[in-house]
Amino acid sequence: MNEQRRYERTNKSTTIEVSHPSIGVLEFKGKDLSDGGAYVFLGNHRPIPVGTVVKARIKRHIGFINTEPTDMQVVHQYSGGMGMMFV
């Protein structure tokens, strides 16, 4: 299988704070953060429909990487998680 990723991923864990009028504010555990997006684990949360654009803040152990929320779109869902890209 050919690798089709455009951006290098970091295999560091993150917390991704997601907000949207239909779900409020939720926190997800994330991994594989890149300049293109991230993979988030659903945990006990319901999946957000593919195509939904949300506001997101990325947090590491040192604090938030972005203080202002940025737009991310749900691009796919797998068992237990979602792929989200920056838009």
Foldseek 3Di string as FASTA:
>chain_A
DDDDDPWQWAFDKKWKWWADVVPGIDIWIWGRDTLWFTKTFQVPHDDDDAFDKIWIWIADPVGTPDPGTFIKGFHADDVGITTITGD
